[in-house]
Amino acid sequence: MTVEVLAVVDGDTVKVDLEDEPENLRILALDTEESRPVPGKPYTPWGVAAKEEATSFLPEGSTITIEFRATDRSIPACGGTGTTTTGRSSTSTRTAKTSRSG
């Protein structure tokens, strides 16, 4: 499935237009430091650098190809810490394998 990049959230998460809905996707097998404070995790300079690198690789408006590992799109989160949220909201995060299109 090919989708448009709306924004890079941080080094391992990208917001895309998925079936006309904004959706946060975690990039499979990639875990970076935080680029902004979140509950229980402070941001770090490495997280800021990871977000900058991701933004240069996946600029806003670019298209990427995503591939889910399960047909119901409910798949293990990075690090085996549980299952990602599969609900359709701007705060949900799913994990997907990505590649740049074109």
C-alpha atoms as a PDB file:
ATOM      1  CA  MET A   1       0.000   0.000   0.000  1.00  0.00           C
ATOM      2  CA  THR A   2       1.397   3.420  -0.942  1.00  0.00           C
ATOM      3  CA  VAL A   3       0.692   6.340   1.413  1.00  0.00           C
ATOM      4  CA  GLU A   4       1.661  10.003   1.722  1.00  0.00           C
ATOM      5  CA  VAL A   5       3.899  11.173   4.570  1.00  0.00           C
ATOM      6  CA  LEU A   6       2.142  13.907   6.551  1.00  0.00           C
ATOM      7  CA  ALA A   7       4.906  14.406   9.151  1.00  0.00           C
ATOM      8  CA  VAL A   8       7.736  12.695  10.961  1.00  0.00           C
ATOM      9  CA  VAL A   9       6.710  12.332  14.620  1.00  0.00           C
ATOM     10  CA  ASP A  10      10.132  11.181  15.814  1.00  0.00           C
ATOM     11  CA  GLY A  11      12.961   8.967  14.616  1.00  0.00           C
ATOM     12  CA  ASP A  12      10.884   5.781  14.544  1.00  0.00           C
ATOM     13  CA  THR A  13       7.339   7.081  13.968  1.00  0.00           C
ATOM     14  CA  VAL A  14       5.799   8.730  10.924  1.00  0.00           C
ATOM     15  CA  LYS A  15       2.299  10.177  10.437  1.00  0.00           C
ATOM     16  CA  VAL A  16       0.775   9.153   7.113  1.00  0.00           C
ATOM     17  CA  ASP A  17      -2.482   9.543   5.219  1.00  0.00           C
ATOM     18  CA  LEU A  18      -3.910   6.041   5.491  1.00  0.00           C
ATOM     19  CA  GLU A  19      -7.223   5.620   3.689  1.00  0.00           C
ATOM     20  CA  ASP A  20      -7.964   9.369   4.064  1.00  0.00           C
ATOM     21  CA  GLU A  21      -7.233   9.310   7.821  1.00  0.00           C
ATOM     22  CA  PRO A  22      -4.067  10.514   9.581  1.00  0.00           C
ATOM     23  CA  GLU A  23      -2.339   7.541  11.205  1.00  0.00           C
ATOM     24  CA  ASN A  24       0.875   7.273  13.218  1.00  0.00           C
ATOM     25  CA  LEU A  25       3.003   4.307  12.147  1.00  0.00           C
ATOM     26  CA  ARG A  26       6.009   2.932  14.018  1.00  0.00           C
ATOM     27  CA  ILE A  27       8.758   1.781  11.688  1.00  0.00           C
ATOM     28  CA  LEU A  28       9.332  -1.932  12.173  1.00  0.00           C
ATOM     29  CA  ALA A  29      12.637  -2.970  13.803  1.00  0.00           C
ATOM     30  CA  LEU A  30      13.651   0.628  14.524  1.00  0.00           C
ATOM     31  CA  ASP A  31      13.693   2.085  18.036  1.00  0.00           C
ATOM     32  CA  THR A  32      15.099   5.562  18.604  1.00  0.00           C
ATOM     33  CA  GLU A  33      15.369   7.926  21.533  1.00  0.00           C
ATOM     34  CA  GLU A  34      12.524  10.407  22.019  1.00  0.00           C
ATOM     35  CA  SER A  35      12.652  13.758  20.189  1.00  0.00           C
ATOM     36  CA  ARG A  36      10.120  15.291  22.578  1.00  0.00           C
ATOM     37  CA  PRO A  37       9.161  14.500  26.166  1.00  0.00           C
ATOM     38  CA  VAL A  38       6.507  11.797  26.599  1.00  0.00           C
ATOM     39  CA  PRO A  39       5.213  10.316  29.869  1.00  0.00           C
ATOM     40  CA  GLY A  40       8.014   8.341  31.473  1.00  0.00           C
ATOM     41  CA  LYS A  41      10.597   9.204  28.788  1.00  0.00           C
ATOM     42  CA  PRO A  42      12.533  12.443  28.417  1.00  0.00           C
ATOM     43  CA  TYR A  43      13.708  13.711  25.062  1.00  0.00           C
ATOM     44  CA  THR A  44      17.416  13.376  24.281  1.00  0.00           C
ATOM     45  CA  PRO A  45      19.816  14.981  21.795  1.00  0.00           C
ATOM     46  CA  TRP A  46      20.026  11.596  20.046  1.00  0.00           C
ATOM     47  CA  GLY A  47      16.238  11.577  19.667  1.00  0.00           C
ATOM     48  CA  VAL A  48      16.319  15.030  18.097  1.00  0.00           C
ATOM     49  CA  ALA A  49      19.076  13.877  15.703  1.00  0.00           C
ATOM     50  CA  ALA A  50      17.081  10.732  14.829  1.00  0.00           C
ATOM     51  CA  LYS A  51      14.006  12.832  13.998  1.00  0.00           C
ATOM     52  CA  GLU A  52      16.102  15.158  11.819  1.00  0.00           C
ATOM     53  CA  GLU A  53      17.545  12.168   9.941  1.00  0.00           C
ATOM     54  CA  ALA A  54      14.088  10.608   9.499  1.00  0.00           C
ATOM     55  CA  THR A  55      12.731  13.946   8.226  1.00  0.00           C
ATOM     56  CA  SER A  56      15.495  14.146   5.613  1.00  0.00           C
ATOM     57  CA  PHE A  57      14.775  10.563   4.513  1.00  0.00           C
ATOM     58  CA  LEU A  58      10.954  10.811   4.669  1.00  0.00           C
ATOM     59  CA  PRO A  59      10.055  14.448   3.893  1.00  0.00           C
ATOM     60  CA  GLU A  60       6.492  15.721   4.230  1.00  0.00           C
ATOM     61  CA  GLY A  61       4.532  15.050   1.033  1.00  0.00           C
ATOM     62  CA  SER A  62       6.696  12.118  -0.049  1.00  0.00           C
ATOM     63  CA  THR A  63       5.140   8.718  -0.703  1.00  0.00           C
ATOM     64  CA  ILE A  64       6.157   5.496   0.992  1.00  0.00           C
ATOM     65  CA  THR A  65       5.076   1.908   0.620  1.00  0.00           C
ATOM     66  CA  ILE A  66       3.893   0.251   3.811  1.00  0.00           C
ATOM     67  CA  GLU A  67       3.389  -3.412   4.516  1.00  0.00           C
ATOM     68  CA  PHE A  68       1.617  -4.842   7.558  1.00  0.00           C
ATOM     69  CA  ARG A  69       2.615  -8.247   8.875  1.00  0.00           C
ATOM     70  CA  ALA A  70      -0.952  -9.305   9.750  1.00  0.00           C
ATOM     71  CA  THR A  71      -4.184  -8.940   7.817  1.00  0.00           C
ATOM     72  CA  ASP A  72      -5.970  -7.366  10.795  1.00  0.00           C
ATOM     73  CA  ARG A  73      -3.064  -4.921  11.265  1.00  0.00           C
ATOM     74  CA  SER A  74      -2.744  -5.902  14.923  1.00  0.00           C
ATOM     75  CA  ILE A  75       0.932  -6.762  15.244  1.00  0.00           C
ATOM     76  CA  PRO A  76       3.577  -6.808  17.993  1.00  0.00           C
ATOM     77  CA  ALA A  77       5.128  -3.466  18.877  1.00  0.00           C
ATOM     78  CA  CYS A  78       8.879  -2.945  18.566  1.00  0.00           C
ATOM     79  CA  GLY A  79      10.759  -4.641  21.360  1.00  0.00           C
ATOM     80  CA  GLY A  80       7.985  -7.147  22.026  1.00  0.00           C
ATOM     81  CA  THR A  81       6.327  -4.888  24.572  1.00  0.00           C
ATOM     82  CA  GLY A  82       2.755  -5.716  23.613  1.00  0.00           C
ATOM     83  CA  THR A  83       0.426  -4.962  20.732  1.00  0.00           C
ATOM     84  CA  THR A  84       0.058  -1.613  19.050  1.00  0.00           C
ATOM     85  CA  THR A  85      -3.237   0.246  19.064  1.00  0.00           C
ATOM     86  CA  THR A  86      -5.371  -0.602  16.062  1.00  0.00           C
ATOM     87  CA  GLY A  87      -8.121   2.016  16.576  1.00  0.00           C
ATOM     88  CA  ARG A  88      -8.570   4.796  14.041  1.00  0.00           C
ATOM     89  CA  SER A  89      -7.540   7.988  15.820  1.00  0.00           C
ATOM     90  CA  SER A  90      -4.797  10.559  15.517  1.00  0.00           C
ATOM     91  CA  THR A  91      -3.169   9.194  18.666  1.00  0.00           C
ATOM     92  CA  SER A  92      -3.109   5.542  17.657  1.00  0.00           C
ATOM     93  CA  THR A  93       0.153   4.020  16.507  1.00  0.00           C
ATOM     94  CA  ARG A  94       0.602   0.959  14.325  1.00  0.00           C
ATOM     95  CA  THR A  95       3.827  -0.730  13.317  1.00  0.00           C
ATOM     96  CA  ALA A  96       4.646  -1.168   9.656  1.00  0.00           C
ATOM     97  CA  LYS A  97       7.552  -2.017   7.403  1.00  0.00           C
ATOM     98  CA  THR A  98       8.189   1.000   5.184  1.00  0.00           C
ATOM     99  CA  SER A  99      10.115   1.774   2.028  1.00  0.00           C
ATOM    100  CA  ARG A 100      10.375   4.905  -0.059  1.00  0.00           C
ATOM    101  CA  SER A 101       8.366   4.886  -3.275  1.00  0.00           C
ATOM    102  CA  GLY A 102       9.687   6.050  -6.587  1.00  0.00           C
END
